[in-house]
Amino acid sequence: MLVAFTSCQTTTTSSHQFAAPSPAWSTKTGQLAYTDQKVSLIGEVLVRYSKQGEFELTFTKAGGITLLSLRQDAGFGKVEGPLARRGWSGPIGEAPASLRGWFELRDKIVNGRKSATIRHDAGQQTFTLRF
């Protein structure tokens, strides 16, 4: 039964198609300071989003090492990279607690378009973005 459930989730999540970024998307670059109960990191952040709600965030460290890559639309998300541990994809409402703060950043960034600094606290996680 466990194999059947795991297979079902893999099939469902792998069939989701995110919109491809286009020139109409907004782009921001800056720095992200991230802390949780285990780590504290500062790195570069690239954010792209559309008026329709598609969102991408890439958090990197010096030398181009990707720490976390996130894609999100209205109801579905995908996260990869060392900060995401094994990675995850699925309905945003079902995201593991350790990744929910990352998915909440979309609304903070999109709604704070003109802000040079955005701070978001999500449980044990703190995100400070400077664009």
N, C-alpha and C. Protein backbone atom coordinates (compact mmCIF):
# COMPACT_ATOMS: atom_id res chain seq x y z
N MET A 1 0.82 -1.19 0.00
CA MET A 1 0.00 0.00 0.00
C MET A 1 0.87 1.26 0.00
N LEU A 2 1.97 1.24 0.74
CA LEU A 2 2.88 2.38 0.78
C LEU A 2 3.44 2.66 -0.61
N VAL A 3 3.81 1.62 -1.34
CA VAL A 3 4.33 1.79 -2.68
C VAL A 3 3.29 2.43 -3.59
N ALA A 4 2.05 1.99 -3.48
CA ALA A 4 0.98 2.55 -4.31
C ALA A 4 0.77 4.02 -4.00
N PHE A 5 0.78 4.40 -2.71
CA PHE A 5 0.59 5.79 -2.34
C PHE A 5 1.74 6.66 -2.83
N THR A 6 2.96 6.19 -2.67
CA THR A 6 4.13 6.94 -3.11
C THR A 6 4.10 7.10 -4.62
N SER A 7 3.77 6.05 -5.35
CA SER A 7 3.70 6.13 -6.80
C SER A 7 2.66 7.12 -7.25
N CYS A 8 1.53 7.14 -6.57
CA CYS A 8 0.45 8.06 -6.93
C CYS A 8 0.90 9.50 -6.77
N GLN A 9 1.57 9.81 -5.66
CA GLN A 9 2.04 11.17 -5.43
C GLN A 9 3.05 11.57 -6.48
N THR A 10 3.96 10.69 -6.82
CA THR A 10 4.98 11.00 -7.82
C THR A 10 4.34 11.30 -9.16
N THR A 11 3.35 10.51 -9.56
CA THR A 11 2.67 10.72 -10.82
C THR A 11 1.94 12.06 -10.83
N THR A 12 1.24 12.36 -9.74
CA THR A 12 0.49 13.61 -9.66
C THR A 12 1.41 14.81 -9.73
N THR A 13 2.48 14.81 -8.95
CA THR A 13 3.35 15.99 -8.88
C THR A 13 4.18 16.16 -10.15
N SER A 14 4.57 15.06 -10.78
CA SER A 14 5.42 15.20 -11.96
C SER A 14 4.65 15.70 -13.17
N SER A 15 3.32 15.59 -13.16
CA SER A 15 2.53 16.02 -14.31
C SER A 15 2.17 17.50 -14.26
N HIS A 16 2.44 18.18 -13.16
CA HIS A 16 2.11 19.60 -13.06
C HIS A 16 3.05 20.43 -13.93
N GLN A 17 2.49 21.33 -14.71
CA GLN A 17 3.29 22.19 -15.57
C GLN A 17 3.21 23.63 -15.09
N PHE A 18 4.36 24.21 -14.80
CA PHE A 18 4.42 25.62 -14.44
C PHE A 18 4.52 26.45 -15.71
N ALA A 19 4.03 27.67 -15.66
CA ALA A 19 4.16 28.58 -16.80
C ALA A 19 5.62 28.95 -17.00
N ALA A 20 6.01 29.09 -18.23
CA ALA A 20 7.37 29.51 -18.55
C ALA A 20 7.49 31.02 -18.34
N PRO A 21 8.60 31.48 -17.73
CA PRO A 21 8.79 32.93 -17.56
C PRO A 21 8.80 33.63 -18.92
N SER A 22 8.28 34.84 -18.93
CA SER A 22 8.25 35.62 -20.16
C SER A 22 8.75 37.03 -19.86
N PRO A 23 8.99 37.83 -20.89
CA PRO A 23 9.43 39.21 -20.65
C PRO A 23 8.41 40.05 -19.87
N ALA A 24 7.15 39.62 -19.83
CA ALA A 24 6.13 40.36 -19.10
C ALA A 24 6.24 40.15 -17.58
N TRP A 25 6.99 39.16 -17.15
CA TRP A 25 7.16 38.91 -15.72
C TRP A 25 8.03 40.00 -15.09
N SER A 26 7.77 40.31 -13.84
CA SER A 26 8.60 41.24 -13.08
C SER A 26 9.79 40.47 -12.50
N THR A 27 10.94 41.14 -12.44
CA THR A 27 12.15 40.51 -11.91
C THR A 27 12.77 41.42 -10.86
N LYS A 28 13.21 40.82 -9.76
CA LYS A 28 13.92 41.54 -8.71
C LYS A 28 15.15 40.74 -8.32
N THR A 29 16.24 41.43 -8.03
CA THR A 29 17.43 40.79 -7.51
C THR A 29 17.85 41.50 -6.24
N GLY A 30 18.48 40.78 -5.35
CA GLY A 30 18.93 41.39 -4.11
C GLY A 30 19.57 40.37 -3.20
N GLN A 31 19.47 40.63 -1.91
CA GLN A 31 20.04 39.73 -0.91
C GLN A 31 18.94 39.19 -0.01
N LEU A 32 19.13 37.96 0.43
CA LEU A 32 18.22 37.32 1.36
C LEU A 32 19.02 36.84 2.56
N ALA A 33 18.59 37.24 3.74
CA ALA A 33 19.14 36.72 4.98
C ALA A 33 18.11 35.76 5.54
N TYR A 34 18.51 34.51 5.72
CA TYR A 34 17.61 33.46 6.19
C TYR A 34 18.14 32.86 7.47
N THR A 35 17.26 32.71 8.47
CA THR A 35 17.65 32.03 9.70
C THR A 35 16.53 31.09 10.13
N ASP A 36 16.92 29.97 10.69
CA ASP A 36 15.99 29.08 11.38
C ASP A 36 16.71 28.57 12.61
N GLN A 37 16.19 27.55 13.25
CA GLN A 37 16.80 27.07 14.49
C GLN A 37 18.16 26.41 14.28
N LYS A 38 18.52 26.08 13.02
CA LYS A 38 19.78 25.38 12.76
C LYS A 38 20.80 26.17 11.96
N VAL A 39 20.35 27.06 11.07
CA VAL A 39 21.27 27.76 10.19
C VAL A 39 20.97 29.25 10.11
N SER A 40 21.99 29.97 9.69
CA SER A 40 21.86 31.40 9.40
C SER A 40 22.68 31.65 8.14
N LEU A 41 22.02 32.09 7.08
CA LEU A 41 22.68 32.27 5.79
C LEU A 41 22.32 33.61 5.17
N ILE A 42 23.27 34.18 4.44
CA ILE A 42 23.02 35.36 3.63
C ILE A 42 23.50 35.04 2.23
N GLY A 43 22.67 35.33 1.25
CA GLY A 43 23.05 35.05 -0.13
C GLY A 43 22.28 35.92 -1.09
N GLU A 44 22.48 35.66 -2.35
CA GLU A 44 21.80 36.40 -3.42
C GLU A 44 20.44 35.78 -3.69
N VAL A 45 19.48 36.61 -4.06
CA VAL A 45 18.16 36.11 -4.39
C VAL A 45 17.71 36.70 -5.73
N LEU A 46 17.12 35.85 -6.55
CA LEU A 46 16.51 36.25 -7.81
C LEU A 46 15.05 35.85 -7.71
N VAL A 47 14.17 36.81 -7.95
CA VAL A 47 12.73 36.58 -7.87
C VAL A 47 12.10 37.01 -9.19
N ARG A 48 11.22 36.15 -9.71
CA ARG A 48 10.45 36.49 -10.91
C ARG A 48 9.00 36.12 -10.65
N TYR A 49 8.07 36.99 -11.10
CA TYR A 49 6.66 36.69 -10.90
C TYR A 49 5.81 37.35 -11.99
N SER A 50 4.65 36.74 -12.21
CA SER A 50 3.73 37.25 -13.23
C SER A 50 2.49 37.84 -12.57
N LYS A 51 1.72 38.57 -13.34
CA LYS A 51 0.46 39.12 -12.85
C LYS A 51 -0.57 38.03 -12.60
N GLN A 52 -0.38 36.86 -13.21
CA GLN A 52 -1.30 35.74 -13.04
C GLN A 52 -1.00 34.93 -11.79
N GLY A 53 0.08 35.23 -11.08
CA GLY A 53 0.38 34.55 -9.83
C GLY A 53 1.52 33.55 -9.87
N GLU A 54 2.12 33.33 -11.04
CA GLU A 54 3.28 32.44 -11.10
C GLU A 54 4.46 33.13 -10.41
N PHE A 55 5.31 32.32 -9.78
CA PHE A 55 6.37 32.87 -8.96
C PHE A 55 7.57 31.93 -8.97
N GLU A 56 8.75 32.51 -9.07
CA GLU A 56 10.00 31.75 -8.97
C GLU A 56 10.95 32.49 -8.04
N LEU A 57 11.67 31.74 -7.22
CA LEU A 57 12.67 32.32 -6.33
C LEU A 57 13.88 31.40 -6.35
N THR A 58 15.06 31.98 -6.54
CA THR A 58 16.30 31.23 -6.49
C THR A 58 17.22 31.91 -5.48
N PHE A 59 17.66 31.15 -4.48
CA PHE A 59 18.53 31.64 -3.41
C PHE A 59 19.89 30.97 -3.59
N THR A 60 20.93 31.78 -3.82
CA THR A 60 22.26 31.25 -4.08
C THR A 60 23.30 31.83 -3.12
N LYS A 61 24.37 31.11 -2.99
CA LYS A 61 25.52 31.55 -2.21
C LYS A 61 26.65 31.89 -3.18
N ALA A 62 27.65 32.58 -2.72
CA ALA A 62 28.80 32.95 -3.55
C ALA A 62 29.29 31.76 -4.36
N GLY A 63 29.67 32.00 -5.59
CA GLY A 63 30.14 30.93 -6.46
C GLY A 63 29.01 30.26 -7.22
N GLY A 64 27.80 30.80 -7.09
CA GLY A 64 26.68 30.27 -7.85
C GLY A 64 26.09 28.98 -7.30
N ILE A 65 26.34 28.68 -6.04
CA ILE A 65 25.78 27.46 -5.43
C ILE A 65 24.32 27.73 -5.07
N THR A 66 23.41 26.97 -5.69
CA THR A 66 21.99 27.14 -5.41
C THR A 66 21.64 26.47 -4.09
N LEU A 67 21.15 27.27 -3.14
CA LEU A 67 20.73 26.75 -1.85
C LEU A 67 19.28 26.30 -1.87
N LEU A 68 18.44 27.04 -2.63
CA LEU A 68 17.03 26.70 -2.72
C LEU A 68 16.47 27.29 -4.00
N SER A 69 15.67 26.50 -4.68
CA SER A 69 14.98 26.92 -5.89
C SER A 69 13.51 26.60 -5.69
N LEU A 70 12.65 27.60 -5.87
CA LEU A 70 11.23 27.46 -5.62
C LEU A 70 10.43 27.90 -6.84
N ARG A 71 9.42 27.12 -7.20
CA ARG A 71 8.45 27.50 -8.24
C ARG A 71 7.08 27.36 -7.64
N GLN A 72 6.19 28.28 -7.99
CA GLN A 72 4.88 28.30 -7.35
C GLN A 72 3.87 28.95 -8.26
N ASP A 73 2.65 28.42 -8.25
CA ASP A 73 1.53 29.11 -8.89
C ASP A 73 0.41 29.19 -7.86
N ALA A 74 -0.80 29.42 -8.28
CA ALA A 74 -1.89 29.65 -7.33
C ALA A 74 -2.07 28.52 -6.31
N GLY A 75 -1.87 27.28 -6.70
CA GLY A 75 -2.14 26.21 -5.77
C GLY A 75 -1.07 25.15 -5.65
N PHE A 76 -0.04 25.21 -6.45
CA PHE A 76 0.95 24.14 -6.50
C PHE A 76 2.35 24.71 -6.36
N GLY A 77 3.23 23.98 -5.70
CA GLY A 77 4.59 24.46 -5.52
C GLY A 77 5.61 23.34 -5.63
N LYS A 78 6.84 23.74 -5.90
CA LYS A 78 7.96 22.80 -6.00
C LYS A 78 9.19 23.49 -5.43
N VAL A 79 9.91 22.78 -4.55
CA VAL A 79 11.11 23.32 -3.93
C VAL A 79 12.22 22.28 -4.05
N GLU A 80 13.43 22.75 -4.42
CA GLU A 80 14.59 21.88 -4.54
C GLU A 80 15.80 22.59 -3.94
N GLY A 81 16.81 21.82 -3.61
CA GLY A 81 18.06 22.38 -3.11
C GLY A 81 18.36 21.93 -1.70
N PRO A 82 19.59 22.16 -1.25
CA PRO A 82 20.01 21.71 0.08
C PRO A 82 19.13 22.23 1.23
N LEU A 83 18.62 23.46 1.14
CA LEU A 83 17.76 23.97 2.22
C LEU A 83 16.39 23.30 2.23
N ALA A 84 16.02 22.68 1.12
CA ALA A 84 14.74 21.96 1.05
C ALA A 84 14.93 20.50 1.41
N ARG A 85 16.11 20.14 1.81
CA ARG A 85 16.48 18.76 2.13
C ARG A 85 16.18 17.83 0.96
N ARG A 86 15.20 16.99 1.04
CA ARG A 86 14.91 16.06 -0.04
C ARG A 86 14.12 16.70 -1.17
N GLY A 87 13.74 17.95 -1.03
CA GLY A 87 12.88 18.59 -2.00
C GLY A 87 11.44 18.22 -1.75
N TRP A 88 10.54 18.93 -2.39
CA TRP A 88 9.12 18.66 -2.21
C TRP A 88 8.36 19.30 -3.36
N SER A 89 7.25 18.67 -3.76
CA SER A 89 6.32 19.28 -4.69
C SER A 89 4.93 18.76 -4.39
N GLY A 90 3.94 19.63 -4.58
CA GLY A 90 2.56 19.26 -4.32
C GLY A 90 1.71 20.48 -4.08
N PRO A 91 0.45 20.26 -3.66
CA PRO A 91 -0.43 21.38 -3.33
C PRO A 91 0.16 22.20 -2.18
N ILE A 92 0.16 23.51 -2.32
CA ILE A 92 0.81 24.38 -1.33
C ILE A 92 0.23 24.19 0.07
N GLY A 93 -1.07 23.96 0.16
CA GLY A 93 -1.70 23.74 1.46
C GLY A 93 -1.20 22.50 2.18
N GLU A 94 -0.53 21.60 1.46
CA GLU A 94 0.00 20.37 2.05
C GLU A 94 1.52 20.42 2.24
N ALA A 95 2.12 21.58 2.06
CA ALA A 95 3.57 21.71 2.20
C ALA A 95 4.01 21.40 3.62
N PRO A 96 5.17 20.76 3.78
CA PRO A 96 5.70 20.51 5.12
C PRO A 96 5.92 21.84 5.86
N ALA A 97 5.80 21.80 7.16
CA ALA A 97 5.94 23.02 7.98
C ALA A 97 7.26 23.73 7.70
N SER A 98 8.32 22.99 7.47
CA SER A 98 9.65 23.60 7.25
C SER A 98 9.72 24.38 5.94
N LEU A 99 8.77 24.19 5.02
CA LEU A 99 8.79 24.89 3.74
C LEU A 99 7.69 25.94 3.60
N ARG A 100 6.75 25.98 4.51
CA ARG A 100 5.63 26.92 4.40
C ARG A 100 6.07 28.37 4.35
N GLY A 101 7.05 28.74 5.14
CA GLY A 101 7.55 30.12 5.14
C GLY A 101 8.06 30.53 3.77
N TRP A 102 8.73 29.60 3.08
CA TRP A 102 9.23 29.89 1.73
C TRP A 102 8.07 30.18 0.79
N PHE A 103 6.99 29.39 0.87
CA PHE A 103 5.84 29.62 0.00
C PHE A 103 5.10 30.91 0.35
N GLU A 104 5.13 31.33 1.60
CA GLU A 104 4.49 32.57 2.02
C GLU A 104 5.21 33.80 1.47
N LEU A 105 6.46 33.64 1.06
CA LEU A 105 7.21 34.79 0.53
C LEU A 105 6.58 35.38 -0.73
N ARG A 106 5.92 34.56 -1.53
CA ARG A 106 5.32 35.07 -2.77
C ARG A 106 4.42 36.27 -2.47
N ASP A 107 3.48 36.11 -1.55
CA ASP A 107 2.56 37.20 -1.25
C ASP A 107 3.28 38.41 -0.65
N LYS A 108 4.26 38.16 0.19
CA LYS A 108 5.01 39.26 0.80
C LYS A 108 5.76 40.07 -0.27
N ILE A 109 6.38 39.38 -1.21
CA ILE A 109 7.16 40.06 -2.25
C ILE A 109 6.25 40.76 -3.26
N VAL A 110 5.25 40.07 -3.73
CA VAL A 110 4.36 40.64 -4.74
C VAL A 110 3.57 41.82 -4.17
N ASN A 111 3.09 41.70 -2.94
CA ASN A 111 2.32 42.80 -2.33
C ASN A 111 3.21 43.92 -1.81
N GLY A 112 4.49 43.67 -1.63
CA GLY A 112 5.42 44.70 -1.17
C GLY A 112 6.31 45.18 -2.28
N ARG A 113 5.77 45.23 -3.50
CA ARG A 113 6.55 45.54 -4.72
C ARG A 113 7.47 46.75 -4.58
N LYS A 114 7.00 47.79 -3.93
CA LYS A 114 7.79 49.02 -3.89
C LYS A 114 8.71 49.09 -2.68
N SER A 115 8.62 48.10 -1.81
CA SER A 115 9.47 48.10 -0.61
C SER A 115 10.87 47.62 -0.96
N ALA A 116 11.86 48.32 -0.45
CA ALA A 116 13.25 47.91 -0.66
C ALA A 116 13.64 46.78 0.30
N THR A 117 12.96 46.70 1.45
CA THR A 117 13.23 45.66 2.43
C THR A 117 11.92 44.97 2.81
N ILE A 118 11.96 43.65 2.82
CA ILE A 118 10.79 42.86 3.21
C ILE A 118 11.25 41.89 4.28
N ARG A 119 10.53 41.85 5.39
CA ARG A 119 10.84 40.91 6.47
C ARG A 119 9.63 40.02 6.69
N HIS A 120 9.90 38.73 6.85
CA HIS A 120 8.82 37.77 7.08
C HIS A 120 9.26 36.77 8.14
N ASP A 121 8.45 36.66 9.19
CA ASP A 121 8.69 35.68 10.25
C ASP A 121 7.66 34.57 10.10
N ALA A 122 8.13 33.34 10.04
CA ALA A 122 7.25 32.18 9.91
C ALA A 122 7.71 31.12 10.90
N GLY A 123 7.12 31.14 12.08
CA GLY A 123 7.54 30.19 13.12
C GLY A 123 8.98 30.42 13.50
N GLN A 124 9.82 29.40 13.34
CA GLN A 124 11.24 29.48 13.68
C GLN A 124 12.08 30.10 12.56
N GLN A 125 11.46 30.42 11.44
CA GLN A 125 12.18 30.96 10.29
C GLN A 125 12.00 32.47 10.19
N THR A 126 13.10 33.13 9.81
CA THR A 126 13.06 34.56 9.54
C THR A 126 13.70 34.81 8.19
N PHE A 127 13.01 35.60 7.38
CA PHE A 127 13.47 35.96 6.04
C PHE A 127 13.56 37.48 5.98
N THR A 128 14.71 38.01 5.58
CA THR A 128 14.86 39.44 5.36
C THR A 128 15.41 39.61 3.96
N LEU A 129 14.62 40.26 3.11
CA LEU A 129 15.01 40.47 1.71
C LEU A 129 15.29 41.95 1.51
N ARG A 130 16.37 42.24 0.78
CA ARG A 130 16.72 43.62 0.41
C ARG A 130 16.91 43.65 -1.10
N PHE A 131 16.07 44.45 -1.75
CA PHE A 131 16.14 44.57 -3.22
C PHE A 131 16.75 45.89 -3.60
